[in-house]
Structure formats: C-alpha cells, structure tokens
Full PDB file with SEQRES, HELIX, SHEET, SSBOND, CRYST1, ORIGX, SCALE, CONECT and MASTER records, all heavy atoms in Angstrom:
SEQRES   1 A   41  ARG THR TYR SER GLY GLY LYS LYS ARG VAL GLY ILE LEU          
SEQRES   2 A   41  TYR ARG HIS ILE SER ASP GLU TYR MET ASP PRO LEU ALA          
SEQRES   3 A   41  PHE GLU SER SER SER LEU ILE GLY VAL PRO ASN ILE MET          
SEQRES   4 A   41  GLU ALA                                                      
HELIX    1 AA1 ASP A   19  TYR A   21  5                                   3    
CRYST1    1.000    1.000    1.000  90.00  90.00  90.00 P 1           1          
ORIGX1      1.000000  0.000000  0.000000        0.00000                         
ORIGX2      0.000000  1.000000  0.000000        0.00000                         
ORIGX3      0.000000  0.000000  1.000000        0.00000                         
SCALE1      1.000000  0.000000  0.000000        0.00000                         
SCALE2      0.000000  1.000000  0.000000        0.00000                         
SCALE3      0.000000  0.000000  1.000000        0.00000                         
ATOM      1  N   ARG A   1      62.647 107.314 145.611  1.00  0.00           N  
ATOM      2  CA  ARG A   1      62.835 107.623 144.160  1.00  0.00           C  
ATOM      3  C   ARG A   1      64.144 107.194 143.792  1.00  0.00           C  
ATOM      4  O   ARG A   1      65.248 107.716 144.199  1.00  0.00           O  
ATOM      5  CB  ARG A   1      62.640 109.160 144.042  1.00  0.00           C  
ATOM      6  CG  ARG A   1      61.141 109.662 144.080  1.00  0.00           C  
ATOM      7  CD  ARG A   1      61.124 111.104 143.600  1.00  0.00           C  
ATOM      8  NE  ARG A   1      59.799 111.503 143.645  1.00  0.00           N  
ATOM      9  CZ  ARG A   1      59.267 112.143 144.768  1.00  0.00           C  
ATOM     10  NH1 ARG A   1      59.984 112.393 145.887  1.00  0.00           N  
ATOM     11  NH2 ARG A   1      57.999 112.565 144.783  1.00  0.00           N  
ATOM     12  N   THR A   2      64.290 106.320 142.745  1.00  0.00           N  
ATOM     13  CA  THR A   2      65.648 105.864 142.350  1.00  0.00           C  
ATOM     14  C   THR A   2      66.121 106.920 141.319  1.00  0.00           C  
ATOM     15  O   THR A   2      65.422 107.802 140.726  1.00  0.00           O  
ATOM     16  CB  THR A   2      65.633 104.499 141.603  1.00  0.00           C  
ATOM     17  OG1 THR A   2      64.714 104.621 140.427  1.00  0.00           O  
ATOM     18  CG2 THR A   2      64.858 103.488 142.502  1.00  0.00           C  
ATOM     19  N   TYR A   3      67.523 106.775 141.049  1.00  0.00           N  
ATOM     20  CA  TYR A   3      68.164 107.686 140.090  1.00  0.00           C  
ATOM     21  C   TYR A   3      67.562 107.541 138.657  1.00  0.00           C  
ATOM     22  O   TYR A   3      67.713 108.481 137.826  1.00  0.00           O  
ATOM     23  CB  TYR A   3      69.688 107.641 140.126  1.00  0.00           C  
ATOM     24  CG  TYR A   3      70.199 108.048 141.438  1.00  0.00           C  
ATOM     25  CD1 TYR A   3      70.722 107.101 142.307  1.00  0.00           C  
ATOM     26  CD2 TYR A   3      70.225 109.461 141.713  1.00  0.00           C  
ATOM     27  CE1 TYR A   3      71.351 107.551 143.548  1.00  0.00           C  
ATOM     28  CE2 TYR A   3      70.744 109.856 143.001  1.00  0.00           C  
ATOM     29  CZ  TYR A   3      71.361 108.909 143.833  1.00  0.00           C  
ATOM     30  OH  TYR A   3      71.925 109.363 145.046  1.00  0.00           O  
ATOM     31  N   SER A   4      67.044 106.417 138.293  1.00  0.00           N  
ATOM     32  CA  SER A   4      66.535 106.180 136.980  1.00  0.00           C  
ATOM     33  C   SER A   4      65.035 106.625 136.815  1.00  0.00           C  
ATOM     34  O   SER A   4      64.598 106.563 135.775  1.00  0.00           O  
ATOM     35  CB  SER A   4      66.670 104.715 136.744  1.00  0.00           C  
ATOM     36  OG  SER A   4      65.848 103.887 137.618  1.00  0.00           O  
ATOM     37  N   GLY A   5      64.526 107.212 137.880  1.00  0.00           N  
ATOM     38  CA  GLY A   5      63.248 107.696 137.808  1.00  0.00           C  
ATOM     39  C   GLY A   5      62.203 106.696 138.188  1.00  0.00           C  
ATOM     40  O   GLY A   5      61.051 107.063 138.335  1.00  0.00           O  
ATOM     41  N   GLY A   6      62.554 105.549 138.705  1.00  0.00           N  
ATOM     42  CA  GLY A   6      61.560 104.615 139.268  1.00  0.00           C  
ATOM     43  C   GLY A   6      61.409 104.770 140.708  1.00  0.00           C  
ATOM     44  O   GLY A   6      61.803 105.779 141.256  1.00  0.00           O  
ATOM     45  N   LYS A   7      60.765 103.693 141.335  1.00  0.00           N  
ATOM     46  CA  LYS A   7      60.620 103.883 142.675  1.00  0.00           C  
ATOM     47  C   LYS A   7      60.763 102.430 143.449  1.00  0.00           C  
ATOM     48  O   LYS A   7      60.601 101.485 142.670  1.00  0.00           O  
ATOM     49  CB  LYS A   7      59.203 104.316 143.060  1.00  0.00           C  
ATOM     50  CG  LYS A   7      58.075 103.361 142.570  1.00  0.00           C  
ATOM     51  CD  LYS A   7      56.725 104.015 142.978  1.00  0.00           C  
ATOM     52  CE  LYS A   7      55.558 103.149 142.521  1.00  0.00           C  
ATOM     53  NZ  LYS A   7      54.244 103.658 142.769  1.00  0.00           N  
ATOM     54  N   LYS A   8      61.150 102.395 144.745  1.00  0.00           N  
ATOM     55  CA  LYS A   8      61.398 101.315 145.460  1.00  0.00           C  
ATOM     56  C   LYS A   8      60.662 101.379 146.707  1.00  0.00           C  
ATOM     57  O   LYS A   8      60.808 102.354 147.392  1.00  0.00           O  
ATOM     58  CB  LYS A   8      62.892 100.948 145.635  1.00  0.00           C  
ATOM     59  CG  LYS A   8      63.601 100.379 144.402  1.00  0.00           C  
ATOM     60  CD  LYS A   8      64.979  99.860 144.818  1.00  0.00           C  
ATOM     61  CE  LYS A   8      65.683  99.322 143.656  1.00  0.00           C  
ATOM     62  NZ  LYS A   8      67.078  98.787 143.965  1.00  0.00           N  
ATOM     63  N   ARG A   9      60.001 100.350 147.208  1.00  0.00           N  
ATOM     64  CA  ARG A   9      59.394 100.357 148.434  1.00  0.00           C  
ATOM     65  C   ARG A   9      60.330 100.345 149.582  1.00  0.00           C  
ATOM     66  O   ARG A   9      61.349  99.626 149.584  1.00  0.00           O  
ATOM     67  CB  ARG A   9      58.288  99.210 148.541  1.00  0.00           C  
ATOM     68  CG  ARG A   9      57.595  99.254 149.966  1.00  0.00           C  
ATOM     69  CD  ARG A   9      56.608  98.165 150.142  1.00  0.00           C  
ATOM     70  NE  ARG A   9      56.030  98.110 151.473  1.00  0.00           N  
ATOM     71  CZ  ARG A   9      55.196  97.276 151.860  1.00  0.00           C  
ATOM     72  NH1 ARG A   9      54.720  96.311 151.064  1.00  0.00           N  
ATOM     73  NH2 ARG A   9      54.741  97.354 153.191  1.00  0.00           N  
ATOM     74  N   VAL A  10      60.074 101.148 150.587  1.00  0.00           N  
ATOM     75  CA  VAL A  10      60.925 101.169 151.895  1.00  0.00           C  
ATOM     76  C   VAL A  10      60.162 100.493 152.962  1.00  0.00           C  
ATOM     77  O   VAL A  10      59.093 100.934 153.253  1.00  0.00           O  
ATOM     78  CB  VAL A  10      61.335 102.676 152.091  1.00  0.00           C  
ATOM     79  CG1 VAL A  10      62.224 102.721 153.520  1.00  0.00           C  
ATOM     80  CG2 VAL A  10      62.120 103.364 151.017  1.00  0.00           C  
ATOM     81  N   GLY A  11      60.764  99.498 153.546  1.00  0.00           N  
ATOM     82  CA  GLY A  11      60.069  98.739 154.618  1.00  0.00           C  
ATOM     83  C   GLY A  11      60.647  99.172 155.865  1.00  0.00           C  
ATOM     84  O   GLY A  11      59.919  99.005 157.009  1.00  0.00           O  
ATOM     85  N   ILE A  12      61.815  99.819 155.999  1.00  0.00           N  
ATOM     86  CA  ILE A  12      62.383 100.215 157.224  1.00  0.00           C  
ATOM     87  C   ILE A  12      62.956 101.683 156.939  1.00  0.00           C  
ATOM     88  O   ILE A  12      63.807 101.729 156.121  1.00  0.00           O  
ATOM     89  CB  ILE A  12      63.488  99.289 157.699  1.00  0.00           C  
ATOM     90  CG1 ILE A  12      63.174  97.852 157.697  1.00  0.00           C  
ATOM     91  CG2 ILE A  12      63.992  99.689 159.144  1.00  0.00           C  
ATOM     92  CD1 ILE A  12      64.369  96.922 157.781  1.00  0.00           C  
ATOM     93  N   LEU A  13      62.695 102.571 157.881  1.00  0.00           N  
ATOM     94  CA  LEU A  13      63.348 103.863 157.792  1.00  0.00           C  
ATOM     95  C   LEU A  13      64.058 104.150 159.133  1.00  0.00           C  
ATOM     96  O   LEU A  13      63.417 104.335 160.096  1.00  0.00           O  
ATOM     97  CB  LEU A  13      62.198 104.867 157.381  1.00  0.00           C  
ATOM     98  CG  LEU A  13      62.965 106.305 157.195  1.00  0.00           C  
ATOM     99  CD1 LEU A  13      63.782 106.286 155.680  1.00  0.00           C  
ATOM    100  CD2 LEU A  13      61.853 107.409 156.903  1.00  0.00           C  
ATOM    101  N   TYR A  14      65.300 104.148 159.052  1.00  0.00           N  
ATOM    102  CA  TYR A  14      66.116 104.465 160.306  1.00  0.00           C  
ATOM    103  C   TYR A  14      66.333 105.965 160.081  1.00  0.00           C  
ATOM    104  O   TYR A  14      67.092 106.426 159.174  1.00  0.00           O  
ATOM    105  CB  TYR A  14      67.542 103.747 160.094  1.00  0.00           C  
ATOM    106  CG  TYR A  14      68.392 103.877 161.170  1.00  0.00           C  
ATOM    107  CD1 TYR A  14      68.188 104.741 162.381  1.00  0.00           C  
ATOM    108  CD2 TYR A  14      69.737 103.315 161.262  1.00  0.00           C  
ATOM    109  CE1 TYR A  14      69.063 104.941 163.396  1.00  0.00           C  
ATOM    110  CE2 TYR A  14      70.640 103.423 162.338  1.00  0.00           C  
ATOM    111  CZ  TYR A  14      70.274 104.192 163.337  1.00  0.00           C  
ATOM    112  OH  TYR A  14      71.235 104.320 164.305  1.00  0.00           O  
ATOM    113  N   ARG A  15      65.757 106.747 161.066  1.00  0.00           N  
ATOM    114  CA  ARG A  15      65.694 108.199 160.747  1.00  0.00           C  
ATOM    115  C   ARG A  15      66.453 108.886 161.926  1.00  0.00           C  
ATOM    116  O   ARG A  15      66.502 108.543 163.042  1.00  0.00           O  
ATOM    117  CB  ARG A  15      64.251 108.634 160.791  1.00  0.00           C  
ATOM    118  CG  ARG A  15      63.366 108.214 161.940  1.00  0.00           C  
ATOM    119  CD  ARG A  15      63.348 108.988 163.168  1.00  0.00           C  
ATOM    120  NE  ARG A  15      62.473 108.385 164.241  1.00  0.00           N  
ATOM    121  CZ  ARG A  15      61.844 109.247 165.119  1.00  0.00           C  
ATOM    122  NH1 ARG A  15      61.860 110.489 164.970  1.00  0.00           N  
ATOM    123  NH2 ARG A  15      61.230 108.666 166.043  1.00  0.00           N  
ATOM    124  N   HIS A  16      67.005 110.001 161.585  1.00  0.00           N  
ATOM    125  CA  HIS A  16      67.778 110.962 162.597  1.00  0.00           C  
ATOM    126  C   HIS A  16      67.164 112.285 162.506  1.00  0.00           C  
ATOM    127  O   HIS A  16      67.891 113.314 162.491  1.00  0.00           O  
ATOM    128  CB  HIS A  16      69.273 110.971 162.212  1.00  0.00           C  
ATOM    129  CG  HIS A  16      69.980 109.778 162.787  1.00  0.00           C  
ATOM    130  ND1 HIS A  16      70.708 109.825 163.922  1.00  0.00           N  
ATOM    131  CD2 HIS A  16      70.173 108.509 162.262  1.00  0.00           C  
ATOM    132  CE1 HIS A  16      71.223 108.543 164.168  1.00  0.00           C  
ATOM    133  NE2 HIS A  16      70.928 107.784 163.205  1.00  0.00           N  
ATOM    134  N   ILE A  17      65.820 112.298 162.491  1.00  0.00           N  
ATOM    135  CA  ILE A  17      64.992 113.515 162.483  1.00  0.00           C  
ATOM    136  C   ILE A  17      64.115 113.415 163.783  1.00  0.00           C  
ATOM    137  O   ILE A  17      63.486 112.436 163.917  1.00  0.00           O  
ATOM    138  CB  ILE A  17      64.334 113.712 161.243  1.00  0.00           C  
ATOM    139  CG1 ILE A  17      65.286 113.885 160.090  1.00  0.00           C  
ATOM    140  CG2 ILE A  17      63.293 114.823 161.281  1.00  0.00           C  
ATOM    141  CD1 ILE A  17      64.571 114.017 158.723  1.00  0.00           C  
ATOM    142  N   SER A  18      64.034 114.538 164.433  1.00  0.00           N  
ATOM    143  CA  SER A  18      63.271 114.604 165.730  1.00  0.00           C  
ATOM    144  C   SER A  18      61.665 114.288 165.215  1.00  0.00           C  
ATOM    145  O   SER A  18      61.277 114.672 164.221  1.00  0.00           O  
ATOM    146  CB  SER A  18      63.390 115.896 166.435  1.00  0.00           C  
ATOM    147  OG  SER A  18      64.669 115.951 166.888  1.00  0.00           O  
ATOM    148  N   ASP A  19      60.947 113.744 166.215  1.00  0.00           N  
ATOM    149  CA  ASP A  19      59.584 113.449 165.980  1.00  0.00           C  
ATOM    150  C   ASP A  19      58.838 114.629 165.406  1.00  0.00           C  
ATOM    151  O   ASP A  19      58.011 114.418 164.314  1.00  0.00           O  
ATOM    152  CB  ASP A  19      58.821 113.060 167.300  1.00  0.00           C  
ATOM    153  CG  ASP A  19      59.369 111.706 167.823  1.00  0.00           C  
ATOM    154  OD1 ASP A  19      60.099 110.981 167.033  1.00  0.00           O  
ATOM    155  OD2 ASP A  19      58.928 111.267 168.934  1.00  0.00           O  
ATOM    156  N   GLU A  20      58.902 115.724 165.915  1.00  0.00           N  
ATOM    157  CA  GLU A  20      58.070 116.788 165.487  1.00  0.00           C  
ATOM    158  C   GLU A  20      58.292 117.306 164.058  1.00  0.00           C  
ATOM    159  O   GLU A  20      57.446 117.915 163.463  1.00  0.00           O  
ATOM    160  CB  GLU A  20      58.190 118.068 166.440  1.00  0.00           C  
ATOM    161  CG  GLU A  20      59.588 118.631 166.557  1.00  0.00           C  
ATOM    162  CD  GLU A  20      60.501 117.987 167.667  1.00  0.00           C  
ATOM    163  OE1 GLU A  20      60.264 116.871 167.908  1.00  0.00           O  
ATOM    164  OE2 GLU A  20      61.361 118.703 168.242  1.00  0.00           O  
ATOM    165  N   TYR A  21      59.437 116.945 163.511  1.00  0.00           N  
ATOM    166  CA  TYR A  21      59.737 117.266 162.090  1.00  0.00           C  
ATOM    167  C   TYR A  21      59.502 116.116 161.104  1.00  0.00           C  
ATOM    168  O   TYR A  21      59.826 116.259 159.959  1.00  0.00           O  
ATOM    169  CB  TYR A  21      61.189 117.751 161.994  1.00  0.00           C  
ATOM    170  CG  TYR A  21      61.369 118.995 162.859  1.00  0.00           C  
ATOM    171  CD1 TYR A  21      62.267 118.929 163.923  1.00  0.00           C  
ATOM    172  CD2 TYR A  21      60.780 120.216 162.729  1.00  0.00           C  
ATOM    173  CE1 TYR A  21      62.471 120.010 164.858  1.00  0.00           C  
ATOM    174  CE2 TYR A  21      61.011 121.251 163.569  1.00  0.00           C  
ATOM    175  CZ  TYR A  21      61.738 121.212 164.577  1.00  0.00           C  
ATOM    176  OH  TYR A  21      62.077 122.247 165.366  1.00  0.00           O  
ATOM    177  N   MET A  22      59.115 114.994 161.640  1.00  0.00           N  
ATOM    178  CA  MET A  22      59.077 113.823 160.659  1.00  0.00           C  
ATOM    179  C   MET A  22      57.901 113.918 159.593  1.00  0.00           C  
ATOM    180  O   MET A  22      58.052 113.402 158.472  1.00  0.00           O  
ATOM    181  CB  MET A  22      58.872 112.613 161.550  1.00  0.00           C  
ATOM    182  CG  MET A  22      59.974 111.864 161.967  1.00  0.00           C  
ATOM    183  SD  MET A  22      61.188 111.349 160.660  1.00  0.00           S  
ATOM    184  CE  MET A  22      60.192 110.187 159.909  1.00  0.00           C  
ATOM    185  N   ASP A  23      56.710 114.520 159.994  1.00  0.00           N  
ATOM    186  CA  ASP A  23      55.666 114.482 159.028  1.00  0.00           C  
ATOM    187  C   ASP A  23      54.844 115.874 159.262  1.00  0.00           C  
ATOM    188  O   ASP A  23      54.232 115.997 160.226  1.00  0.00           O  
ATOM    189  CB  ASP A  23      54.718 113.361 159.405  1.00  0.00           C  
ATOM    190  CG  ASP A  23      53.496 113.166 158.439  1.00  0.00           C  
ATOM    191  OD1 ASP A  23      53.229 114.172 157.725  1.00  0.00           O  
ATOM    192  OD2 ASP A  23      52.851 112.159 158.410  1.00  0.00           O  
ATOM    193  N   PRO A  24      55.062 116.762 158.185  1.00  0.00           N  
ATOM    194  CA  PRO A  24      54.475 118.116 158.404  1.00  0.00           C  
ATOM    195  C   PRO A  24      52.927 118.079 158.400  1.00  0.00           C  
ATOM    196  O   PRO A  24      52.221 118.953 158.749  1.00  0.00           O  
ATOM    197  CB  PRO A  24      54.972 118.781 157.175  1.00  0.00           C  
ATOM    198  CG  PRO A  24      55.371 117.842 156.218  1.00  0.00           C  
ATOM    199  CD  PRO A  24      55.781 116.584 156.928  1.00  0.00           C  
ATOM    200  N   LEU A  25      52.325 116.889 158.014  1.00  0.00           N  
ATOM    201  CA  LEU A  25      50.758 116.728 157.960  1.00  0.00           C  
ATOM    202  C   LEU A  25      50.390 116.252 159.454  1.00  0.00           C  
ATOM    203  O   LEU A  25      49.115 116.305 159.696  1.00  0.00           O  
ATOM    204  CB  LEU A  25      50.381 115.862 156.800  1.00  0.00           C  
ATOM    205  CG  LEU A  25      50.687 116.361 155.482  1.00  0.00           C  
ATOM    206  CD1 LEU A  25      50.121 115.328 154.537  1.00  0.00           C  
ATOM    207  CD2 LEU A  25      50.094 117.777 155.233  1.00  0.00           C  
ATOM    208  N   ALA A  26      51.251 115.819 160.166  1.00  0.00           N  
ATOM    209  CA  ALA A  26      50.903 115.207 161.529  1.00  0.00           C  
ATOM    210  C   ALA A  26      51.463 116.029 162.614  1.00  0.00           C  
ATOM    211  O   ALA A  26      50.763 116.144 163.667  1.00  0.00           O  
ATOM    212  CB  ALA A  26      51.347 113.745 161.651  1.00  0.00           C  
ATOM    213  N   PHE A  27      52.585 116.522 162.460  1.00  0.00           N  
ATOM    214  CA  PHE A  27      53.251 117.307 163.490  1.00  0.00           C  
ATOM    215  C   PHE A  27      53.440 118.820 163.144  1.00  0.00           C  
ATOM    216  O   PHE A  27      52.529 119.479 162.916  1.00  0.00           O  
ATOM    217  CB  PHE A  27      54.475 116.572 163.865  1.00  0.00           C  
ATOM    218  CG  PHE A  27      54.429 115.238 164.226  1.00  0.00           C  
ATOM    219  CD1 PHE A  27      55.116 114.177 163.538  1.00  0.00           C  
ATOM    220  CD2 PHE A  27      53.575 114.756 165.358  1.00  0.00           C  
ATOM    221  CE1 PHE A  27      54.812 112.800 163.887  1.00  0.00           C  
ATOM    222  CE2 PHE A  27      53.482 113.460 165.738  1.00  0.00           C  
ATOM    223  CZ  PHE A  27      54.068 112.633 165.034  1.00  0.00           C  
ATOM    224  N   GLU A  28      54.655 119.225 163.087  1.00  0.00           N  
ATOM    225  CA  GLU A  28      55.120 120.577 162.720  1.00  0.00           C  
ATOM    226  C   GLU A  28      54.857 120.925 161.326  1.00  0.00           C  
ATOM    227  O   GLU A  28      55.667 120.353 160.467  1.00  0.00           O  
ATOM    228  CB  GLU A  28      56.507 120.804 163.215  1.00  0.00           C  
ATOM    229  CG  GLU A  28      57.000 122.286 162.950  1.00  0.00           C  
ATOM    230  CD  GLU A  28      56.139 123.300 163.483  1.00  0.00           C  
ATOM    231  OE1 GLU A  28      55.946 123.415 164.767  1.00  0.00           O  
ATOM    232  OE2 GLU A  28      55.624 124.218 162.671  1.00  0.00           O  
ATOM    233  N   SER A  29      53.838 121.672 161.011  1.00  0.00           N  
ATOM    234  CA  SER A  29      53.406 121.974 159.633  1.00  0.00           C  
ATOM    235  C   SER A  29      54.476 122.659 158.839  1.00  0.00           C  
ATOM    236  O   SER A  29      54.526 122.594 157.582  1.00  0.00           O  
ATOM    237  CB  SER A  29      52.178 122.672 159.604  1.00  0.00           C  
ATOM    238  OG  SER A  29      52.282 124.041 160.173  1.00  0.00           O  
ATOM    239  N   SER A  30      55.452 123.419 159.520  1.00  0.00           N  
ATOM    240  CA  SER A  30      56.518 124.161 158.787  1.00  0.00           C  
ATOM    241  C   SER A  30      57.683 123.358 158.412  1.00  0.00           C  
ATOM    242  O   SER A  30      58.582 123.822 157.895  1.00  0.00           O  
ATOM    243  CB  SER A  30      56.957 125.373 159.586  1.00  0.00           C  
ATOM    244  OG  SER A  30      57.425 124.988 160.920  1.00  0.00           O  
ATOM    245  N   SER A  31      57.703 122.052 158.823  1.00  0.00           N  
ATOM    246  CA  SER A  31      58.835 121.241 158.675  1.00  0.00           C  
ATOM    247  C   SER A  31      59.242 120.978 157.173  1.00  0.00           C  
ATOM    248  O   SER A  31      58.357 120.681 156.436  1.00  0.00           O  
ATOM    249  CB  SER A  31      58.786 119.819 159.313  1.00  0.00           C  
ATOM    250  OG  SER A  31      59.809 118.952 158.894  1.00  0.00           O  
ATOM    251  N   LEU A  32      60.476 121.266 156.796  1.00  0.00           N  
ATOM    252  CA  LEU A  32      60.898 120.997 155.353  1.00  0.00           C  
ATOM    253  C   LEU A  32      61.841 119.890 155.279  1.00  0.00           C  
ATOM    254  O   LEU A  32      62.291 119.686 154.247  1.00  0.00           O  
ATOM    255  CB  LEU A  32      61.752 122.328 154.990  1.00  0.00           C  
ATOM    256  CG  LEU A  32      60.946 123.719 154.994  1.00  0.00           C  
ATOM    257  CD1 LEU A  32      61.817 124.819 154.510  1.00  0.00           C  
ATOM    258  CD2 LEU A  32      59.656 123.509 154.004  1.00  0.00           C  
ATOM    259  N   ILE A  33      61.996 119.047 156.387  1.00  0.00           N  
ATOM    260  CA  ILE A  33      62.888 117.958 156.335  1.00  0.00           C  
ATOM    261  C   ILE A  33      62.113 116.540 156.578  1.00  0.00           C  
ATOM    262  O   ILE A  33      62.652 115.579 156.544  1.00  0.00           O  
ATOM    263  CB  ILE A  33      63.956 118.094 157.369  1.00  0.00           C  
ATOM    264  CG1 ILE A  33      63.366 118.267 158.736  1.00  0.00           C  
ATOM    265  CG2 ILE A  33      64.911 119.261 157.026  1.00  0.00           C  
ATOM    266  CD1 ILE A  33      64.525 118.217 159.874  1.00  0.00           C  
ATOM    267  N   GLY A  34      60.827 116.654 156.720  1.00  0.00           N  
ATOM    268  CA  GLY A  34      60.022 115.564 157.010  1.00  0.00           C  
ATOM    269  C   GLY A  34      59.376 114.879 155.719  1.00  0.00           C  
ATOM    270  O   GLY A  34      59.711 115.386 154.595  1.00  0.00           O  
ATOM    271  N   VAL A  35      58.568 113.852 155.803  1.00  0.00           N  
ATOM    272  CA  VAL A  35      57.997 113.173 154.737  1.00  0.00           C  
ATOM    273  C   VAL A  35      56.514 113.177 154.921  1.00  0.00           C  
ATOM    274  O   VAL A  35      56.000 112.566 155.951  1.00  0.00           O  
ATOM    275  CB  VAL A  35      58.493 111.759 154.542  1.00  0.00           C  
ATOM    276  CG1 VAL A  35      57.714 111.061 153.388  1.00  0.00           C  
ATOM    277  CG2 VAL A  35      59.947 111.707 154.489  1.00  0.00           C  
ATOM    278  N   PRO A  36      55.694 114.042 154.150  1.00  0.00           N  
ATOM    279  CA  PRO A  36      54.261 114.088 154.284  1.00  0.00           C  
ATOM    280  C   PRO A  36      53.650 112.701 154.286  1.00  0.00           C  
ATOM    281  O   PRO A  36      53.880 111.818 153.445  1.00  0.00           O  
ATOM    282  CB  PRO A  36      53.879 114.922 153.172  1.00  0.00           C  
ATOM    283  CG  PRO A  36      54.962 115.669 152.776  1.00  0.00           C  
ATOM    284  CD  PRO A  36      56.210 114.862 153.058  1.00  0.00           C  
ATOM    285  N   ASN A  37      52.737 112.439 155.223  1.00  0.00           N  
ATOM    286  CA  ASN A  37      51.908 111.239 155.342  1.00  0.00           C  
ATOM    287  C   ASN A  37      52.652 110.032 155.814  1.00  0.00           C  
ATOM    288  O   ASN A  37      52.148 108.884 155.780  1.00  0.00           O  
ATOM    289  CB  ASN A  37      51.229 110.922 154.049  1.00  0.00           C  
ATOM    290  CG  ASN A  37      49.885 111.724 153.817  1.00  0.00           C  
ATOM    291  OD1 ASN A  37      49.236 111.951 154.797  1.00  0.00           O  
ATOM    292  ND2 ASN A  37      49.664 112.150 152.622  1.00  0.00           N  
ATOM    293  N   ILE A  38      53.992 110.143 156.247  1.00  0.00           N  
ATOM    294  CA  ILE A  38      54.667 108.955 156.644  1.00  0.00           C  
ATOM    295  C   ILE A  38      54.151 108.357 157.964  1.00  0.00           C  
ATOM    296  O   ILE A  38      54.103 107.102 158.119  1.00  0.00           O  
ATOM    297  CB  ILE A  38      56.182 109.322 156.953  1.00  0.00           C  
ATOM    298  CG1 ILE A  38      57.005 108.036 156.972  1.00  0.00           C  
ATOM    299  CG2 ILE A  38      56.334 110.205 158.194  1.00  0.00           C  
ATOM    300  CD1 ILE A  38      58.463 108.238 156.958  1.00  0.00           C  
ATOM    301  N   MET A  39      53.402 109.156 158.703  1.00  0.00           N  
ATOM    302  CA  MET A  39      52.690 108.601 159.906  1.00  0.00           C  
ATOM    303  C   MET A  39      51.517 107.668 159.507  1.00  0.00           C  
ATOM    304  O   MET A  39      51.265 106.706 160.300  1.00  0.00           O  
ATOM    305  CB  MET A  39      52.202 109.807 160.776  1.00  0.00           C  
ATOM    306  CG  MET A  39      53.452 110.518 161.626  1.00  0.00           C  
ATOM    307  SD  MET A  39      54.420 109.257 162.574  1.00  0.00           S  
ATOM    308  CE  MET A  39      53.149 108.737 163.741  1.00  0.00           C  
ATOM    309  N   GLU A  40      50.898 108.045 158.398  1.00  0.00           N  
ATOM    310  CA  GLU A  40      49.847 107.183 157.929  1.00  0.00           C  
ATOM    311  C   GLU A  40      50.308 105.786 157.367  1.00  0.00           C  
ATOM    312  O   GLU A  40      49.786 104.750 157.644  1.00  0.00           O  
ATOM    313  CB  GLU A  40      49.001 107.869 156.853  1.00  0.00           C  
ATOM    314  CG  GLU A  40      48.175 108.958 157.307  1.00  0.00           C  
ATOM    315  CD  GLU A  40      47.157 108.663 158.401  1.00  0.00           C  
ATOM    316  OE1 GLU A  40      46.507 107.616 158.334  1.00  0.00           O  
ATOM    317  OE2 GLU A  40      47.208 109.197 159.558  1.00  0.00           O  
ATOM    318  N   ALA A  41      51.504 105.894 156.808  1.00  0.00           N  
ATOM    319  CA  ALA A  41      52.093 104.654 156.362  1.00  0.00           C  
ATOM    320  C   ALA A  41      52.547 103.779 157.551  1.00  0.00           C  
ATOM    321  O   ALA A  41      52.388 102.520 157.534  1.00  0.00           O  
ATOM    322  CB  ALA A  41      53.351 104.979 155.508  1.00  0.00           C  
TER     323      ALA A  41                                                      
MASTER        0    0    0    1    0    0    0    6  322    1    0    4          
END                                                                             
C-alpha cells in the first residue's frame, strides 16, 4: 500500500520474521506480524 492510497506489486520480500509467524492462515493463527495468504502467493 503506497502512501497515496494506491498499490504496487511486490515481487521480492526479504523478511526478518520467523516462518511460523509469516502467514496466520498457514501457520500460527495468532500471529499479528504476518501477511495473510502470502504462502498462497
């Protein structure tokens, strides 16, 4: 989400979040720092 309210596609995500917190729909459901459905992407 851009600051102007638009959106830009992300082709690479360099992440510093442990696997179990990356996607609450795939791993730890209580995670508040992951991105839902990122594993499907």
